Amino acid sequence: MGRNSYPFWKQNDLFWDDDVTVAGFTGRHDFKPENARLSLIGGFYFNADGMDHFVGNMVAGQVVYGRKRHSVSLNFATGLFFLLGGEGARHLLDGNGARDYYLWTGDIQAKFSTRIPMTLGLDLAYNLKSYSPNDPDPFTAANHDQKTGLVASVRFGDPSKPGGFVIGYYYAWIETFSVHASYAEDDWLRFGNQTQTAASDFQGHEIRGGYAPVKNMLLLARLYIVDAITTIQDGSRFRFDFNYKF
């Protein structure tokens, strides 16, 4: 209980950003049969609206299954995330504080421990909530049918040890209401305003390369090429990160 990092399994930030902590209660139980793991995770949370204000609640649950056989590790996850809106949001854009989201996610990951490690990933998201084209909120009405998300990725290498490297490619198709845009990825784009990214309604690519010259250090370069799905917004960004863990 308390305010903690995201407790559910994910392989990227396009559904939920690591910077967004959850406040509430989480329960988890792990079953560990031979060469496998089954995890049941669930909780009740207060939806963040800035650092010290909350609006609405989230009830969420996820099932995660992982299995390793020889040089291949597989992970499968599926979850339901019911975000129930409330009145009085101070920061959340585009009516995200008051709107309900009933989000389903499905995730598959395959890791191959070969001479050059490889990871393949696929993530799907769909909003089960029905919105009306006549909704009194103009933004909801205009995007009532934009509810599907997809991310496909491939990575080569392992930068966890000195001299290690990573090369990766991601493709994303994130419709307006397929994620809660105020809580999702904010590295790919800068849609929104000066205080908050509106991280949905886009499709595009990420190309990354990283190298670990010494222990606990990672140099990571990423190129993002993004276009909006329903508007004329677009953007390309290059980001370079120097990471050192003390």
Protein backbone atom coordinates (compact mmCIF):
# COMPACT_ATOMS: atom_id res chain seq x y z
CA MET A 1 0.00 0.00 0.00
CA GLY A 2 1.09 3.58 -0.57
CA ARG A 3 2.50 5.36 -3.61
CA ASN A 4 4.69 3.03 -5.61
CA SER A 5 6.02 2.22 -9.06
CA TYR A 6 3.74 0.55 -11.59
CA PRO A 7 3.03 -2.97 -10.19
CA PHE A 8 1.94 -4.70 -13.41
CA TRP A 9 4.10 -6.41 -16.03
CA LYS A 10 4.99 -4.43 -19.15
CA GLN A 11 7.78 -4.42 -21.72
CA ASN A 12 7.64 -0.73 -22.72
CA ASP A 13 6.12 2.55 -21.53
CA LEU A 14 3.58 3.08 -24.32
CA PHE A 15 0.67 1.94 -22.12
CA TRP A 16 1.94 3.35 -18.80
CA ASP A 17 4.98 5.53 -18.23
CA ASP A 18 7.47 4.67 -15.48
CA ASP A 19 7.30 8.28 -14.25
CA VAL A 20 3.63 7.81 -13.24
CA THR A 21 3.45 6.25 -9.79
CA VAL A 22 0.27 4.63 -8.50
CA ALA A 23 -1.29 5.40 -5.11
CA GLY A 24 -3.35 2.67 -3.47
CA PHE A 25 -3.25 -1.03 -2.69
CA THR A 26 -1.73 -3.95 -4.62
CA GLY A 27 -1.98 -7.69 -4.02
CA ARG A 28 0.12 -10.32 -5.79
CA HIS A 29 0.53 -14.07 -5.69
CA ASP A 30 3.12 -16.08 -7.64
CA PHE A 31 2.89 -19.76 -8.52
CA LYS A 32 6.23 -21.29 -9.54
CA PRO A 33 5.92 -24.69 -11.19
CA GLU A 34 9.09 -26.12 -12.78
CA ASN A 35 10.58 -23.80 -15.45
CA ALA A 36 7.51 -21.55 -15.31
CA ARG A 37 5.85 -18.76 -13.34
CA LEU A 38 2.22 -17.70 -13.03
CA SER A 39 1.49 -14.35 -11.37
CA LEU A 40 -1.87 -12.91 -10.34
CA ILE A 41 -1.76 -9.17 -9.69
CA GLY A 42 -4.60 -6.83 -8.70
CA GLY A 43 -5.27 -3.59 -6.93
CA PHE A 44 -7.28 -0.47 -6.24
CA TYR A 45 -5.75 2.97 -6.87
CA PHE A 46 -6.45 6.70 -6.80
CA ASN A 47 -5.84 8.36 -10.17
CA ALA A 48 -3.05 10.95 -10.01
CA ASP A 49 -3.67 14.54 -11.06
CA GLY A 50 -0.26 16.08 -10.48
CA MET A 51 1.95 15.29 -7.50
CA ASP A 52 -0.48 15.74 -4.61
CA HIS A 53 -4.00 15.68 -6.06
CA PHE A 54 -6.19 12.77 -7.14
CA VAL A 55 -9.32 12.47 -9.26
CA GLY A 56 -11.22 9.22 -9.82
CA ASN A 57 -10.09 5.66 -9.17
CA MET A 58 -8.66 2.63 -10.95
CA VAL A 59 -9.46 -1.03 -10.35
CA ALA A 60 -7.04 -3.30 -12.21
CA GLY A 61 -5.98 -6.92 -12.52
CA GLN A 62 -3.46 -8.84 -14.61
CA VAL A 63 -2.43 -12.45 -15.21
CA VAL A 64 1.20 -13.08 -16.25
CA TYR A 65 2.61 -16.41 -17.39
CA GLY A 66 6.28 -17.00 -18.06
CA ARG A 67 8.12 -20.12 -19.16
CA LYS A 68 11.73 -20.90 -20.03
CA ARG A 69 12.81 -23.81 -22.18
CA HIS A 70 16.42 -24.23 -23.26
CA SER A 71 17.50 -20.85 -24.70
CA VAL A 72 13.99 -19.40 -25.13
CA SER A 73 12.00 -17.46 -22.51
CA LEU A 74 8.34 -16.67 -23.17
CA ASN A 75 6.10 -14.23 -21.31
CA PHE A 76 2.36 -13.79 -21.81
CA ALA A 77 0.22 -11.22 -19.99
CA THR A 78 -3.37 -10.03 -20.14
CA GLY A 79 -5.04 -7.43 -17.96
CA LEU A 80 -8.11 -5.27 -17.39
CA PHE A 81 -7.77 -1.69 -16.17
CA PHE A 82 -10.96 0.15 -15.20
CA LEU A 83 -10.16 3.86 -14.80
CA LEU A 84 -13.19 5.64 -13.38
CA GLY A 85 -13.18 9.39 -13.82
CA GLY A 86 -14.19 12.13 -11.44
CA GLU A 87 -14.71 15.87 -11.36
CA GLY A 88 -12.20 18.55 -10.45
CA ALA A 89 -9.06 17.64 -12.44
CA ARG A 90 -6.44 20.42 -12.29
CA HIS A 91 -3.86 19.15 -14.78
CA LEU A 92 -5.19 16.26 -16.89
CA LEU A 93 -5.73 17.27 -20.54
CA ASP A 94 -8.65 16.67 -22.92
CA GLY A 95 -11.14 15.62 -20.25
CA ASN A 96 -8.97 12.68 -19.09
CA GLY A 97 -9.87 13.29 -15.46
CA ALA A 98 -13.63 12.91 -15.94
CA ARG A 99 -13.66 10.21 -18.66
CA ASP A 100 -14.00 6.48 -17.93
CA TYR A 101 -11.60 4.02 -19.59
CA TYR A 102 -12.14 0.24 -19.61
CA LEU A 103 -8.80 -0.91 -21.00
CA TRP A 104 -7.84 -4.46 -22.00
CA THR A 105 -4.20 -5.30 -22.68
CA GLY A 106 -2.52 -8.37 -24.14
CA ASP A 107 1.26 -8.81 -24.29
CA ILE A 108 3.65 -11.40 -25.72
CA GLN A 109 7.43 -11.42 -25.34
CA ALA A 110 9.99 -13.95 -26.58
CA LYS A 111 13.65 -13.81 -25.54
CA PHE A 112 16.30 -15.86 -27.29
CA SER A 113 19.56 -16.37 -25.37
CA THR A 114 21.72 -16.96 -28.42
CA ARG A 115 25.22 -15.61 -29.13
CA ILE A 116 23.57 -12.28 -29.94
CA PRO A 117 20.50 -12.14 -27.67
CA MET A 118 17.22 -11.22 -29.37
CA THR A 119 13.87 -10.08 -27.92
CA LEU A 120 10.59 -9.94 -29.85
CA GLY A 121 7.55 -8.17 -28.43
CA LEU A 122 3.92 -7.53 -29.29
CA ASP A 123 1.48 -5.46 -27.23
CA LEU A 124 -2.21 -4.91 -27.90
CA ALA A 125 -4.60 -2.54 -26.16
CA TYR A 126 -8.32 -1.99 -26.63
CA ASN A 127 -10.76 0.27 -24.82
CA LEU A 128 -13.96 -1.65 -24.02
CA LYS A 129 -15.83 1.51 -23.03
CA SER A 130 -18.44 2.75 -25.53
CA TYR A 131 -18.46 6.49 -26.26
CA SER A 132 -21.20 8.30 -28.12
CA PRO A 133 -20.66 10.42 -31.24
CA ASN A 134 -23.13 12.77 -29.53
CA ASP A 135 -21.25 12.95 -26.23
CA PRO A 136 -21.54 16.41 -24.64
CA ASP A 137 -17.73 16.57 -24.45
CA PRO A 138 -16.60 17.56 -27.98
CA PHE A 139 -13.25 15.77 -27.67
CA THR A 140 -14.93 12.50 -26.66
CA ALA A 141 -17.49 12.80 -29.45
CA ALA A 142 -14.85 13.50 -32.12
CA ASN A 143 -12.73 10.49 -31.09
CA HIS A 144 -15.44 8.07 -29.94
CA ASP A 145 -14.23 5.22 -32.18
CA GLN A 146 -10.44 5.67 -31.67
CA LYS A 147 -9.88 2.80 -29.21
CA THR A 148 -7.20 0.41 -30.54
CA GLY A 149 -3.46 0.31 -29.82
CA LEU A 150 -0.58 -1.85 -31.03
CA VAL A 151 3.18 -1.95 -30.41
CA ALA A 152 5.61 -4.34 -32.16
CA SER A 153 9.30 -4.45 -31.27
CA VAL A 154 12.56 -6.26 -31.90
CA ARG A 155 15.83 -5.82 -29.98
CA PHE A 156 19.27 -7.33 -30.39
CA GLY A 157 22.02 -7.42 -27.79
CA ASP A 158 22.31 -7.10 -24.01
CA PRO A 159 23.74 -3.88 -22.52
CA SER A 160 23.65 -5.12 -18.92
CA LYS A 161 27.36 -6.00 -18.90
CA PRO A 162 30.46 -3.95 -19.84
CA GLY A 163 31.00 -4.01 -23.59
CA GLY A 164 27.37 -4.94 -24.23
CA PHE A 165 25.19 -3.23 -26.80
CA VAL A 166 21.55 -2.98 -27.83
CA ILE A 167 19.95 -2.21 -31.20
CA GLY A 168 16.19 -1.96 -31.34
CA TYR A 169 13.20 -1.01 -33.45
CA TYR A 170 9.64 -0.26 -32.29
CA TYR A 171 6.49 0.43 -34.29
CA ALA A 172 3.50 1.96 -32.50
CA TRP A 173 -0.12 2.64 -33.49
CA ILE A 174 -1.84 4.30 -30.52
CA GLU A 175 -5.37 5.63 -31.12
CA THR A 176 -6.76 8.42 -28.96
CA PHE A 177 -8.61 6.37 -26.34
CA SER A 178 -6.61 3.13 -26.52
CA VAL A 179 -4.58 4.37 -23.53
CA HIS A 180 -5.05 7.00 -20.84
CA ALA A 181 -2.97 9.65 -22.61
CA SER A 182 -2.07 11.53 -19.41
CA TYR A 183 -0.34 8.44 -17.96
CA ALA A 184 1.31 6.98 -21.07
CA GLU A 185 4.71 7.28 -22.80
CA ASP A 186 6.17 10.81 -23.07
CA ASP A 187 9.50 10.21 -24.84
CA TRP A 188 8.14 9.61 -28.34
CA LEU A 189 6.41 12.97 -28.79
CA ARG A 190 5.61 16.37 -27.36
CA PHE A 191 1.91 16.68 -28.17
CA GLY A 192 0.03 18.51 -25.41
CA ASN A 193 1.20 21.62 -23.55
CA GLN A 194 4.19 22.83 -21.55
CA THR A 195 3.26 20.83 -18.43
CA GLN A 196 1.84 17.57 -19.77
CA THR A 197 2.15 15.34 -22.83
CA ALA A 198 -0.97 14.05 -24.57
CA ALA A 199 0.56 10.68 -25.44
CA SER A 200 -1.98 9.11 -27.78
CA ASP A 201 -3.41 9.62 -31.29
CA PHE A 202 -0.14 8.84 -33.03
CA GLN A 203 1.66 6.26 -35.10
CA GLY A 204 5.37 6.04 -35.71
CA HIS A 205 8.75 4.46 -35.19
CA GLU A 206 11.55 4.35 -32.64
CA ILE A 207 15.09 3.32 -33.62
CA ARG A 208 17.53 2.94 -30.75
CA GLY A 209 21.15 2.03 -30.21
CA GLY A 210 23.01 1.70 -26.92
CA TYR A 211 26.44 0.74 -25.61
CA ALA A 212 27.75 -0.03 -22.12
CA PRO A 213 31.44 1.02 -22.05
CA VAL A 214 31.96 0.14 -18.37
CA LYS A 215 30.00 -1.37 -15.49
CA ASN A 216 26.85 0.58 -14.50
CA MET A 217 27.11 2.95 -17.50
CA LEU A 218 24.86 3.06 -20.58
CA LEU A 219 24.98 5.42 -23.55
CA LEU A 220 21.63 5.32 -25.35
CA ALA A 221 20.57 7.13 -28.55
CA ARG A 222 16.97 7.10 -29.81
CA LEU A 223 15.32 8.51 -32.92
CA TYR A 224 11.54 8.99 -33.00
CA ILE A 225 9.52 9.59 -36.18
CA VAL A 226 5.86 10.28 -35.34
CA ASP A 227 2.67 11.37 -37.10
CA ALA A 228 -0.74 12.00 -35.55
CA ILE A 229 -3.56 9.69 -36.68
CA THR A 230 -6.50 12.12 -36.70
CA THR A 231 -4.78 15.53 -37.00
CA ILE A 232 -1.94 17.11 -38.97
CA GLN A 233 0.50 17.10 -36.03
CA ASP A 234 3.82 15.37 -36.57
CA GLY A 235 7.26 15.32 -35.06
CA SER A 236 10.72 13.83 -35.15
CA ARG A 237 12.97 13.78 -32.09
CA PHE A 238 16.50 12.60 -31.38
CA ARG A 239 17.37 11.87 -27.78
CA PHE A 240 20.73 10.91 -26.27
CA ASP A 241 20.95 9.63 -22.69
CA PHE A 242 24.03 9.20 -20.51
CA ASN A 243 23.10 6.83 -17.66
CA TYR A 244 25.30 5.95 -14.72
CA LYS A 245 24.09 3.93 -11.76
CA PHE A 246 25.84 4.61 -8.44
